[in-house]
Amino acid sequence: MSATDHDAERDDGRRESISDLSPSAKLVYKVLEYEGAMTQEEIVAESRLCSRTVRYALGKLEEGGIVASRVHLEDARQSKYWIVG
C-alpha cells in the first residue's frame, strides 16, 4: 500500500488521507512503513529530519489516526510509533 493510498478512520468518522498531509509527515510515514515500529529518535536518524519536525509530523499522523504510539519498554522516556492497520 502506498502512502497516497492509505486512509485512516478518524474518531469523528471522517477519513484522513496521507496525501493531505505535509511532506515531512509523508516521509515519517514512509520511514515507519519500511522500517516498522520506531522511536522518535530512531525516526530522526533514519529520516534526517530535525527532531522538532518529526515530533510535529508524528502529532499530525497520530491526530489523523494513521500512527499509534505506546511507551517504549526499554526506555520509558520514549515512545514507539507504528502505522495503524
C-alpha atoms as a PDB file:
ATOM      1  CA  MET A   1       0.000   0.000   0.000  1.00  0.00           C
ATOM      2  CA  SER A   2       1.465   3.353  -0.965  1.00  0.00           C
ATOM      3  CA  ALA A   3       1.416   6.472   1.196  1.00  0.00           C
ATOM      4  CA  THR A   4      -1.163   8.102  -1.034  1.00  0.00           C
ATOM      5  CA  ASP A   5      -3.462   5.072  -0.904  1.00  0.00           C
ATOM      6  CA  HIS A   6      -3.628   4.889   2.879  1.00  0.00           C
ATOM      7  CA  ASP A   7      -6.735   6.271   4.571  1.00  0.00           C
ATOM      8  CA  ALA A   8      -7.423   6.086   8.287  1.00  0.00           C
ATOM      9  CA  GLU A   9     -10.735   6.295  10.106  1.00  0.00           C
ATOM     10  CA  ARG A  10     -10.808   9.265  12.472  1.00  0.00           C
ATOM     11  CA  ASP A  11     -12.641   9.329  15.811  1.00  0.00           C
ATOM     12  CA  ASP A  12     -15.271  11.659  14.346  1.00  0.00           C
ATOM     13  CA  GLY A  13     -15.908   9.279  11.432  1.00  0.00           C
ATOM     14  CA  ARG A  14     -14.030  11.342   8.812  1.00  0.00           C
ATOM     15  CA  ARG A  15     -11.224   9.757   6.808  1.00  0.00           C
ATOM     16  CA  GLU A  16      -7.709  11.204   6.914  1.00  0.00           C
ATOM     17  CA  SER A  17      -5.529  10.611   3.872  1.00  0.00           C
ATOM     18  CA  ILE A  18      -1.739  10.647   3.759  1.00  0.00           C
ATOM     19  CA  SER A  19      -1.922  12.713   0.576  1.00  0.00           C
ATOM     20  CA  ASP A  20      -3.477  15.567   2.581  1.00  0.00           C
ATOM     21  CA  LEU A  21      -0.511  15.795   4.965  1.00  0.00           C
ATOM     22  CA  SER A  22       2.762  17.727   4.847  1.00  0.00           C
ATOM     23  CA  PRO A  23       5.834  16.327   3.059  1.00  0.00           C
ATOM     24  CA  SER A  24       7.527  15.704   6.420  1.00  0.00           C
ATOM     25  CA  ALA A  25       4.541  13.680   7.667  1.00  0.00           C
ATOM     26  CA  LYS A  26       4.619  11.651   4.437  1.00  0.00           C
ATOM     27  CA  LEU A  27       8.337  10.975   4.916  1.00  0.00           C
ATOM     28  CA  VAL A  28       7.827   9.883   8.527  1.00  0.00           C
ATOM     29  CA  TYR A  29       5.012   7.595   7.353  1.00  0.00           C
ATOM     30  CA  LYS A  30       7.275   6.047   4.713  1.00  0.00           C
ATOM     31  CA  VAL A  31      10.081   5.513   7.238  1.00  0.00           C
ATOM     32  CA  LEU A  32       7.642   3.681   9.539  1.00  0.00           C
ATOM     33  CA  GLU A  33       6.238   1.743   6.591  1.00  0.00           C
ATOM     34  CA  TYR A  34       9.688   0.465   5.568  1.00  0.00           C
ATOM     35  CA  GLU A  35      11.332   0.081   8.991  1.00  0.00           C
ATOM     36  CA  GLY A  36       8.429  -0.880  11.269  1.00  0.00           C
ATOM     37  CA  ALA A  37       7.908   0.429  14.804  1.00  0.00           C
ATOM     38  CA  MET A  38      10.473   3.034  15.834  1.00  0.00           C
ATOM     39  CA  THR A  39      11.131   5.646  18.497  1.00  0.00           C
ATOM     40  CA  GLN A  40      11.166   9.331  17.615  1.00  0.00           C
ATOM     41  CA  GLU A  41      14.944   9.323  17.975  1.00  0.00           C
ATOM     42  CA  GLU A  42      15.255   6.438  15.501  1.00  0.00           C
ATOM     43  CA  ILE A  43      12.925   8.207  13.041  1.00  0.00           C
ATOM     44  CA  VAL A  44      15.063  11.362  13.301  1.00  0.00           C
ATOM     45  CA  ALA A  45      18.203   9.360  12.494  1.00  0.00           C
ATOM     46  CA  GLU A  46      16.611   7.461   9.604  1.00  0.00           C
ATOM     47  CA  SER A  47      14.769  10.393   8.013  1.00  0.00           C
ATOM     48  CA  ARG A  48      17.462  13.020   8.669  1.00  0.00           C
ATOM     49  CA  LEU A  49      14.723  15.455   9.685  1.00  0.00           C
ATOM     50  CA  CYS A  50      15.180  17.571  12.801  1.00  0.00           C
ATOM     51  CA  SER A  51      13.502  16.291  15.976  1.00  0.00           C
ATOM     52  CA  ARG A  52      11.031  19.172  16.068  1.00  0.00           C
ATOM     53  CA  THR A  53       9.841  18.365  12.531  1.00  0.00           C
ATOM     54  CA  VAL A  54       9.498  14.662  13.358  1.00  0.00           C
ATOM     55  CA  ARG A  55       7.574  15.483  16.550  1.00  0.00           C
ATOM     56  CA  TYR A  56       5.177  17.704  14.558  1.00  0.00           C
ATOM     57  CA  ALA A  57       4.739  15.058  11.833  1.00  0.00           C
ATOM     58  CA  LEU A  58       4.073  12.307  14.380  1.00  0.00           C
ATOM     59  CA  GLY A  59       1.480  14.528  16.056  1.00  0.00           C
ATOM     60  CA  LYS A  60      -0.320  15.045  12.752  1.00  0.00           C
ATOM     61  CA  LEU A  61      -0.158  11.322  11.928  1.00  0.00           C
ATOM     62  CA  GLU A  62      -1.489  10.371  15.369  1.00  0.00           C
ATOM     63  CA  GLU A  63      -4.201  13.030  15.149  1.00  0.00           C
ATOM     64  CA  GLY A  64      -5.269  11.525  11.809  1.00  0.00           C
ATOM     65  CA  GLY A  65      -5.403   8.025  13.268  1.00  0.00           C
ATOM     66  CA  ILE A  66      -2.688   6.839  10.891  1.00  0.00           C
ATOM     67  CA  VAL A  67       0.010   6.203  13.505  1.00  0.00           C
ATOM     68  CA  ALA A  68      -0.278   4.977  17.092  1.00  0.00           C
ATOM     69  CA  SER A  69       2.207   5.011  19.963  1.00  0.00           C
ATOM     70  CA  ARG A  70       2.926   3.494  23.328  1.00  0.00           C
ATOM     71  CA  VAL A  71       5.665   3.762  25.911  1.00  0.00           C
ATOM     72  CA  HIS A  72       8.917   2.125  24.802  1.00  0.00           C
ATOM     73  CA  LEU A  73       9.570  -0.690  27.287  1.00  0.00           C
ATOM     74  CA  GLU A  74      13.363  -0.332  27.152  1.00  0.00           C
ATOM     75  CA  ASP A  75      13.234   3.394  27.970  1.00  0.00           C
ATOM     76  CA  ALA A  76      10.011   4.781  29.449  1.00  0.00           C
ATOM     77  CA  ARG A  77      11.068   8.327  28.484  1.00  0.00           C
ATOM     78  CA  GLN A  78      10.448   7.426  24.839  1.00  0.00           C
ATOM     79  CA  SER A  79       7.521   6.125  22.828  1.00  0.00           C
ATOM     80  CA  LYS A  80       7.399   3.603  19.995  1.00  0.00           C
ATOM     81  CA  TYR A  81       5.399   4.630  16.917  1.00  0.00           C
ATOM     82  CA  TRP A  82       3.867   2.354  14.306  1.00  0.00           C
ATOM     83  CA  ILE A  83       1.372   2.502  11.462  1.00  0.00           C
ATOM     84  CA  VAL A  84      -2.177   1.565  12.451  1.00  0.00           C
ATOM     85  CA  GLY A  85      -3.896  -1.084  10.426  1.00  0.00           C
END
